[in-house]
Amino acid sequence: MLTLILTLALSASAPEAAPPAQTTSETKPAKPKMVCRANKSTGSRLKSRICKTQEEWDGQPTNIRNDARLNGVGN
């Protein structure tokens, strides 16, 4: 009984806990959305998917036959 009274008395006299400090908008940057496309491979029955960000898809040539780097144009 005495310990209960002492516990209540000490908890009443304890300083209040400070509210958590608010940080200045430290939100995580949004992850870029992944875009997945089906990969059709000749001679395979297995389906595969390639997932990249839209930025990566835009940086890749759409038609590889017209890619000058692979055809040796300009050498």
PDB file of N, CA and C in Angstrom:
ATOM      1  N   MET A   1       0.835  -1.187   0.000  1.00  0.00           N
ATOM      2  CA  MET A   1       0.000   0.000   0.000  1.00  0.00           C
ATOM      3  C   MET A   1       0.873   1.241   0.000  1.00  0.00           C
ATOM      4  N   LEU A   2       1.935   1.199   0.805  1.00  0.00           N
ATOM      5  CA  LEU A   2       2.828   2.340   0.902  1.00  0.00           C
ATOM      6  C   LEU A   2       3.537   2.581  -0.440  1.00  0.00           C
ATOM      7  N   THR A   3       3.890   1.498  -1.137  1.00  0.00           N
ATOM      8  CA  THR A   3       4.559   1.648  -2.436  1.00  0.00           C
ATOM      9  C   THR A   3       3.617   2.262  -3.471  1.00  0.00           C
ATOM     10  N   LEU A   4       2.345   1.939  -3.379  1.00  0.00           N
ATOM     11  CA  LEU A   4       1.361   2.509  -4.283  1.00  0.00           C
ATOM     12  C   LEU A   4       1.248   4.012  -4.069  1.00  0.00           C
ATOM     13  N   ILE A   5       1.211   4.434  -2.838  1.00  0.00           N
ATOM     14  CA  ILE A   5       1.095   5.860  -2.526  1.00  0.00           C
ATOM     15  C   ILE A   5       2.352   6.596  -2.975  1.00  0.00           C
ATOM     16  N   LEU A   6       3.521   6.007  -2.731  1.00  0.00           N
ATOM     17  CA  LEU A   6       4.760   6.643  -3.147  1.00  0.00           C
ATOM     18  C   LEU A   6       4.856   6.720  -4.675  1.00  0.00           C
ATOM     19  N   THR A   7       4.436   5.700  -5.354  1.00  0.00           N
ATOM     20  CA  THR A   7       4.466   5.686  -6.814  1.00  0.00           C
ATOM     21  C   THR A   7       3.569   6.774  -7.377  1.00  0.00           C
ATOM     22  N   LEU A   8       2.369   6.912  -6.824  1.00  0.00           N
ATOM     23  CA  LEU A   8       1.445   7.943  -7.295  1.00  0.00           C
ATOM     24  C   LEU A   8       1.991   9.335  -6.999  1.00  0.00           C
ATOM     25  N   ALA A   9       2.588   9.520  -5.839  1.00  0.00           N
ATOM     26  CA  ALA A   9       3.130  10.823  -5.474  1.00  0.00           C
ATOM     27  C   ALA A   9       4.300  11.198  -6.380  1.00  0.00           C
ATOM     28  N   LEU A  10       5.164  10.243  -6.686  1.00  0.00           N
ATOM     29  CA  LEU A  10       6.306  10.534  -7.546  1.00  0.00           C
ATOM     30  C   LEU A  10       5.883  10.779  -8.994  1.00  0.00           C
ATOM     31  N   SER A  11       4.905  10.044  -9.466  1.00  0.00           N
ATOM     32  CA  SER A  11       4.462  10.233 -10.847  1.00  0.00           C
ATOM     33  C   SER A  11       3.744  11.566 -11.008  1.00  0.00           C
ATOM     34  N   ALA A  12       3.068  12.043  -9.961  1.00  0.00           N
ATOM     35  CA  ALA A  12       2.377  13.326 -10.033  1.00  0.00           C
ATOM     36  C   ALA A  12       3.380  14.475 -10.028  1.00  0.00           C
ATOM     37  N   SER A  13       4.504  14.309  -9.363  1.00  0.00           N
ATOM     38  CA  SER A  13       5.483  15.384  -9.298  1.00  0.00           C
ATOM     39  C   SER A  13       6.499  15.325 -10.436  1.00  0.00           C
ATOM     40  N   ALA A  14       6.464  14.296 -11.253  1.00  0.00           N
ATOM     41  CA  ALA A  14       7.406  14.165 -12.374  1.00  0.00           C
ATOM     42  C   ALA A  14       7.067  15.199 -13.440  1.00  0.00           C
ATOM     43  N   PRO A  15       8.099  15.756 -14.080  1.00  0.00           N
ATOM     44  CA  PRO A  15       7.824  16.735 -15.139  1.00  0.00           C
ATOM     45  C   PRO A  15       7.126  16.062 -16.311  1.00  0.00           C
ATOM     46  N   GLU A  16       6.319  16.839 -16.994  1.00  0.00           N
ATOM     47  CA  GLU A  16       5.579  16.300 -18.138  1.00  0.00           C
ATOM     48  C   GLU A  16       6.553  16.016 -19.281  1.00  0.00           C
ATOM     49  N   ALA A  17       6.245  14.984 -19.995  1.00  0.00           N
ATOM     50  CA  ALA A  17       7.084  14.632 -21.145  1.00  0.00           C
ATOM     51  C   ALA A  17       6.864  15.669 -22.230  1.00  0.00           C
ATOM     52  N   ALA A  18       7.947  16.094 -22.845  1.00  0.00           N
ATOM     53  CA  ALA A  18       7.859  17.082 -23.914  1.00  0.00           C
ATOM     54  C   ALA A  18       7.205  16.438 -25.131  1.00  0.00           C
ATOM     55  N   PRO A  19       6.367  17.175 -25.821  1.00  0.00           N
ATOM     56  CA  PRO A  19       5.763  16.613 -27.030  1.00  0.00           C
ATOM     57  C   PRO A  19       6.858  16.369 -28.063  1.00  0.00           C
ATOM     58  N   PRO A  20       6.677  15.367 -28.895  1.00  0.00           N
ATOM     59  CA  PRO A  20       7.717  15.064 -29.886  1.00  0.00           C
ATOM     60  C   PRO A  20       7.947  16.262 -30.800  1.00  0.00           C
ATOM     61  N   ALA A  21       9.207  16.538 -31.067  1.00  0.00           N
ATOM     62  CA  ALA A  21       9.552  17.662 -31.925  1.00  0.00           C
ATOM     63  C   ALA A  21       9.109  17.367 -33.352  1.00  0.00           C
ATOM     64  N   GLN A  22       8.480  18.353 -33.956  1.00  0.00           N
ATOM     65  CA  GLN A  22       8.024  18.175 -35.333  1.00  0.00           C
ATOM     66  C   GLN A  22       9.149  18.561 -36.264  1.00  0.00           C
ATOM     67  N   THR A  23       9.454  17.666 -37.170  1.00  0.00           N
ATOM     68  CA  THR A  23      10.518  17.930 -38.115  1.00  0.00           C
ATOM     69  C   THR A  23       9.962  18.712 -39.291  1.00  0.00           C
ATOM     70  N   THR A  24      10.811  19.379 -39.974  1.00  0.00           N
ATOM     71  CA  THR A  24      10.379  20.211 -41.093  1.00  0.00           C
ATOM     72  C   THR A  24      10.245  19.366 -42.351  1.00  0.00           C
ATOM     73  N   SER A  25       9.086  18.934 -42.638  1.00  0.00           N
ATOM     74  CA  SER A  25       8.701  18.133 -43.815  1.00  0.00           C
ATOM     75  C   SER A  25       9.827  17.245 -44.324  1.00  0.00           C
ATOM     76  N   GLU A  26      10.207  16.281 -43.533  1.00  0.00           N
ATOM     77  CA  GLU A  26      11.224  15.317 -43.934  1.00  0.00           C
ATOM     78  C   GLU A  26      10.557  14.054 -44.459  1.00  0.00           C
ATOM     79  N   THR A  27       9.706  14.222 -45.432  1.00  0.00           N
ATOM     80  CA  THR A  27       9.031  13.064 -46.001  1.00  0.00           C
ATOM     81  C   THR A  27       9.959  12.392 -46.992  1.00  0.00           C
ATOM     82  N   LYS A  28       9.791  11.113 -47.137  1.00  0.00           N
ATOM     83  CA  LYS A  28      10.610  10.349 -48.067  1.00  0.00           C
ATOM     84  C   LYS A  28      10.191  10.702 -49.492  1.00  0.00           C
ATOM     85  N   PRO A  29      11.151  10.785 -50.396  1.00  0.00           N
ATOM     86  CA  PRO A  29      10.776  11.047 -51.782  1.00  0.00           C
ATOM     87  C   PRO A  29      10.005   9.855 -52.334  1.00  0.00           C
ATOM     88  N   ALA A  30       9.041  10.152 -53.169  1.00  0.00           N
ATOM     89  CA  ALA A  30       8.205   9.096 -53.738  1.00  0.00           C
ATOM     90  C   ALA A  30       9.035   8.233 -54.673  1.00  0.00           C
ATOM     91  N   LYS A  31       8.846   6.932 -54.577  1.00  0.00           N
ATOM     92  CA  LYS A  31       9.550   6.012 -55.470  1.00  0.00           C
ATOM     93  C   LYS A  31       8.930   6.124 -56.858  1.00  0.00           C
ATOM     94  N   PRO A  32       9.757   6.079 -57.892  1.00  0.00           N
ATOM     95  CA  PRO A  32       9.196   6.126 -59.237  1.00  0.00           C
ATOM     96  C   PRO A  32       8.380   4.870 -59.519  1.00  0.00           C
ATOM     97  N   LYS A  33       7.312   5.045 -60.238  1.00  0.00           N
ATOM     98  CA  LYS A  33       6.422   3.936 -60.551  1.00  0.00           C
ATOM     99  C   LYS A  33       7.082   3.010 -61.569  1.00  0.00           C
ATOM    100  N   MET A  34       7.037   1.721 -61.293  1.00  0.00           N
ATOM    101  CA  MET A  34       7.617   0.732 -62.190  1.00  0.00           C
ATOM    102  C   MET A  34       6.594   0.358 -63.258  1.00  0.00           C
ATOM    103  N   VAL A  35       7.074   0.266 -64.496  1.00  0.00           N
ATOM    104  CA  VAL A  35       6.236  -0.136 -65.621  1.00  0.00           C
ATOM    105  C   VAL A  35       6.777  -1.471 -66.115  1.00  0.00           C
ATOM    106  N   CYS A  36       5.927  -2.493 -66.129  1.00  0.00           N
ATOM    107  CA  CYS A  36       6.339  -3.831 -66.553  1.00  0.00           C
ATOM    108  C   CYS A  36       5.766  -4.121 -67.936  1.00  0.00           C
ATOM    109  N   ARG A  37       6.604  -4.712 -68.772  1.00  0.00           N
ATOM    110  CA  ARG A  37       6.181  -5.084 -70.123  1.00  0.00           C
ATOM    111  C   ARG A  37       6.539  -6.544 -70.363  1.00  0.00           C
ATOM    112  N   ALA A  38       5.706  -7.215 -71.165  1.00  0.00           N
ATOM    113  CA  ALA A  38       5.955  -8.615 -71.494  1.00  0.00           C
ATOM    114  C   ALA A  38       7.075  -8.694 -72.513  1.00  0.00           C
ATOM    115  N   ASN A  39       7.971  -9.650 -72.328  1.00  0.00           N
ATOM    116  CA  ASN A  39       9.093  -9.862 -73.241  1.00  0.00           C
ATOM    117  C   ASN A  39       8.804 -11.106 -74.060  1.00  0.00           C
ATOM    118  N   LYS A  40       8.688 -10.930 -75.356  1.00  0.00           N
ATOM    119  CA  LYS A  40       8.441 -12.065 -76.239  1.00  0.00           C
ATOM    120  C   LYS A  40       9.779 -12.572 -76.747  1.00  0.00           C
ATOM    121  N   SER A  41      10.107 -13.783 -76.372  1.00  0.00           N
ATOM    122  CA  SER A  41      11.374 -14.373 -76.769  1.00  0.00           C
ATOM    123  C   SER A  41      11.116 -15.485 -77.782  1.00  0.00           C
ATOM    124  N   THR A  42      11.809 -15.443 -78.887  1.00  0.00           N
ATOM    125  CA  THR A  42      11.644 -16.454 -79.930  1.00  0.00           C
ATOM    126  C   THR A  42      12.189 -17.795 -79.439  1.00  0.00           C
ATOM    127  N   GLY A  43      11.418 -18.832 -79.623  1.00  0.00           N
ATOM    128  CA  GLY A  43      11.864 -20.167 -79.272  1.00  0.00           C
ATOM    129  C   GLY A  43      11.638 -20.537 -77.820  1.00  0.00           C
ATOM    130  N   SER A  44      10.895 -19.746 -77.109  1.00  0.00           N
ATOM    131  CA  SER A  44      10.641 -20.050 -75.703  1.00  0.00           C
ATOM    132  C   SER A  44       9.151 -19.974 -75.424  1.00  0.00           C
ATOM    133  N   ARG A  45       8.690 -20.893 -74.628  1.00  0.00           N
ATOM    134  CA  ARG A  45       7.290 -20.883 -74.227  1.00  0.00           C
ATOM    135  C   ARG A  45       7.067 -20.121 -72.930  1.00  0.00           C
ATOM    136  N   LEU A  46       8.165 -19.826 -72.263  1.00  0.00           N
ATOM    137  CA  LEU A  46       8.063 -19.115 -70.991  1.00  0.00           C
ATOM    138  C   LEU A  46       7.863 -17.628 -71.217  1.00  0.00           C
ATOM    139  N   LYS A  47       6.979 -17.062 -70.437  1.00  0.00           N
ATOM    140  CA  LYS A  47       6.745 -15.626 -70.512  1.00  0.00           C
ATOM    141  C   LYS A  47       7.680 -14.940 -69.518  1.00  0.00           C
ATOM    142  N   SER A  48       8.173 -13.822 -69.900  1.00  0.00           N
ATOM    143  CA  SER A  48       9.005 -13.061 -68.979  1.00  0.00           C
ATOM    144  C   SER A  48       8.547 -11.607 -68.998  1.00  0.00           C
ATOM    145  N   ARG A  49       8.813 -10.927 -67.897  1.00  0.00           N
ATOM    146  CA  ARG A  49       8.456  -9.519 -67.794  1.00  0.00           C
ATOM    147  C   ARG A  49       9.717  -8.719 -67.490  1.00  0.00           C
ATOM    148  N   ILE A  50       9.781  -7.540 -68.067  1.00  0.00           N
ATOM    149  CA  ILE A  50      10.864  -6.614 -67.779  1.00  0.00           C
ATOM    150  C   ILE A  50      10.227  -5.398 -67.125  1.00  0.00           C
ATOM    151  N   CYS A  51      10.700  -5.064 -65.933  1.00  0.00           N
ATOM    152  CA  CYS A  51      10.154  -3.927 -65.196  1.00  0.00           C
ATOM    153  C   CYS A  51      11.223  -2.849 -65.080  1.00  0.00           C
ATOM    154  N   LYS A  52      10.871  -1.645 -65.498  1.00  0.00           N
ATOM    155  CA  LYS A  52      11.746  -0.480 -65.420  1.00  0.00           C
ATOM    156  C   LYS A  52      10.890   0.731 -65.087  1.00  0.00           C
ATOM    157  N   THR A  53      11.556   1.806 -64.714  1.00  0.00           N
ATOM    158  CA  THR A  53      10.822   3.050 -64.506  1.00  0.00           C
ATOM    159  C   THR A  53      10.489   3.644 -65.867  1.00  0.00           C
ATOM    160  N   GLN A  54       9.527   4.550 -65.902  1.00  0.00           N
ATOM    161  CA  GLN A  54       9.139   5.166 -67.170  1.00  0.00           C
ATOM    162  C   GLN A  54      10.319   5.930 -67.767  1.00  0.00           C
ATOM    163  N   GLU A  55      11.138   6.515 -66.927  1.00  0.00           N
ATOM    164  CA  GLU A  55      12.317   7.238 -67.387  1.00  0.00           C
ATOM    165  C   GLU A  55      13.287   6.304 -68.113  1.00  0.00           C
ATOM    166  N   GLU A  56      13.464   5.092 -67.577  1.00  0.00           N
ATOM    167  CA  GLU A  56      14.347   4.115 -68.217  1.00  0.00           C
ATOM    168  C   GLU A  56      13.773   3.633 -69.547  1.00  0.00           C
ATOM    169  N   TRP A  57      12.444   3.434 -69.595  1.00  0.00           N
ATOM    170  CA  TRP A  57      11.818   3.022 -70.848  1.00  0.00           C
ATOM    171  C   TRP A  57      11.971   4.111 -71.901  1.00  0.00           C
ATOM    172  N   ASP A  58      11.829   5.375 -71.504  1.00  0.00           N
ATOM    173  CA  ASP A  58      11.941   6.475 -72.455  1.00  0.00           C
ATOM    174  C   ASP A  58      13.364   6.606 -72.986  1.00  0.00           C
ATOM    175  N   GLY A  59      14.357   6.250 -72.188  1.00  0.00           N
ATOM    176  CA  GLY A  59      15.741   6.344 -72.601  1.00  0.00           C
ATOM    177  C   GLY A  59      16.181   5.217 -73.510  1.00  0.00           C
ATOM    178  N   GLN A  60      15.414   4.163 -73.587  1.00  0.00           N
ATOM    179  CA  GLN A  60      15.751   3.001 -74.413  1.00  0.00           C
ATOM    180  C   GLN A  60      15.128   3.172 -75.796  1.00  0.00           C
ATOM    181  N   PRO A  61      15.872   2.853 -76.863  1.00  0.00           N
ATOM    182  CA  PRO A  61      15.287   2.972 -78.203  1.00  0.00           C
ATOM    183  C   PRO A  61      14.122   1.993 -78.354  1.00  0.00           C
ATOM    184  N   THR A  62      13.054   2.445 -79.008  1.00  0.00           N
ATOM    185  CA  THR A  62      11.866   1.599 -79.145  1.00  0.00           C
ATOM    186  C   THR A  62      12.058   0.535 -80.226  1.00  0.00           C
ATOM    187  N   ASN A  63      12.714   0.892 -81.311  1.00  0.00           N
ATOM    188  CA  ASN A  63      12.939  -0.067 -82.383  1.00  0.00           C
ATOM    189  C   ASN A  63      14.440  -0.277 -82.513  1.00  0.00           C
ATOM    190  N   ILE A  64      14.903  -1.408 -82.097  1.00  0.00           N
ATOM    191  CA  ILE A  64      16.345  -1.657 -82.041  1.00  0.00           C
ATOM    192  C   ILE A  64      16.956  -1.756 -83.435  1.00  0.00           C
ATOM    193  N   ARG A  65      16.169  -2.066 -84.454  1.00  0.00           N
ATOM    194  CA  ARG A  65      16.702  -2.151 -85.815  1.00  0.00           C
ATOM    195  C   ARG A  65      17.164  -0.782 -86.314  1.00  0.00           C
ATOM    196  N   ASN A  66      16.513   0.260 -85.854  1.00  0.00           N
ATOM    197  CA  ASN A  66      16.865   1.606 -86.306  1.00  0.00           C
ATOM    198  C   ASN A  66      17.911   2.275 -85.428  1.00  0.00           C
ATOM    199  N   ASP A  67      18.448   1.559 -84.491  1.00  0.00           N
ATOM    200  CA  ASP A  67      19.434   2.127 -83.593  1.00  0.00           C
ATOM    201  C   ASP A  67      20.774   2.208 -84.314  1.00  0.00           C
ATOM    202  N   ALA A  68      21.272   3.404 -84.534  1.00  0.00           N
ATOM    203  CA  ALA A  68      22.510   3.604 -85.278  1.00  0.00           C
ATOM    204  C   ALA A  68      23.713   3.031 -84.575  1.00  0.00           C
ATOM    205  N   ARG A  69      23.666   2.928 -83.266  1.00  0.00           N
ATOM    206  CA  ARG A  69      24.813   2.398 -82.519  1.00  0.00           C
ATOM    207  C   ARG A  69      25.048   0.925 -82.863  1.00  0.00           C
ATOM    208  N   LEU A  70      23.977   0.178 -83.140  1.00  0.00           N
ATOM    209  CA  LEU A  70      24.121  -1.251 -83.414  1.00  0.00           C
ATOM    210  C   LEU A  70      24.354  -1.537 -84.901  1.00  0.00           C
ATOM    211  N   ASN A  71      23.911  -0.646 -85.775  1.00  0.00           N
ATOM    212  CA  ASN A  71      24.042  -0.888 -87.212  1.00  0.00           C
ATOM    213  C   ASN A  71      25.376  -0.418 -87.766  1.00  0.00           C
ATOM    214  N   GLY A  72      26.186   0.251 -86.979  1.00  0.00           N
ATOM    215  CA  GLY A  72      27.484   0.693 -87.454  1.00  0.00           C
ATOM    216  C   GLY A  72      27.428   1.915 -88.344  1.00  0.00           C
ATOM    217  N   VAL A  73      26.334   2.645 -88.317  1.00  0.00           N
ATOM    218  CA  VAL A  73      26.213   3.855 -89.141  1.00  0.00           C
ATOM    219  C   VAL A  73      27.110   4.931 -88.552  1.00  0.00           C
ATOM    220  N   GLY A  74      27.872   5.583 -89.399  1.00  0.00           N
ATOM    221  CA  GLY A  74      28.719   6.673 -88.956  1.00  0.00           C
ATOM    222  C   GLY A  74      30.112   6.255 -88.594  1.00  0.00           C
ATOM    223  N   ASN A  75      30.513   5.027 -88.849  1.00  0.00           N
ATOM    224  CA  ASN A  75      31.889   4.579 -88.548  1.00  0.00           C
ATOM    225  C   ASN A  75      32.825   4.923 -89.645  1.00  0.00           C
TER     226      ASN A  75
END
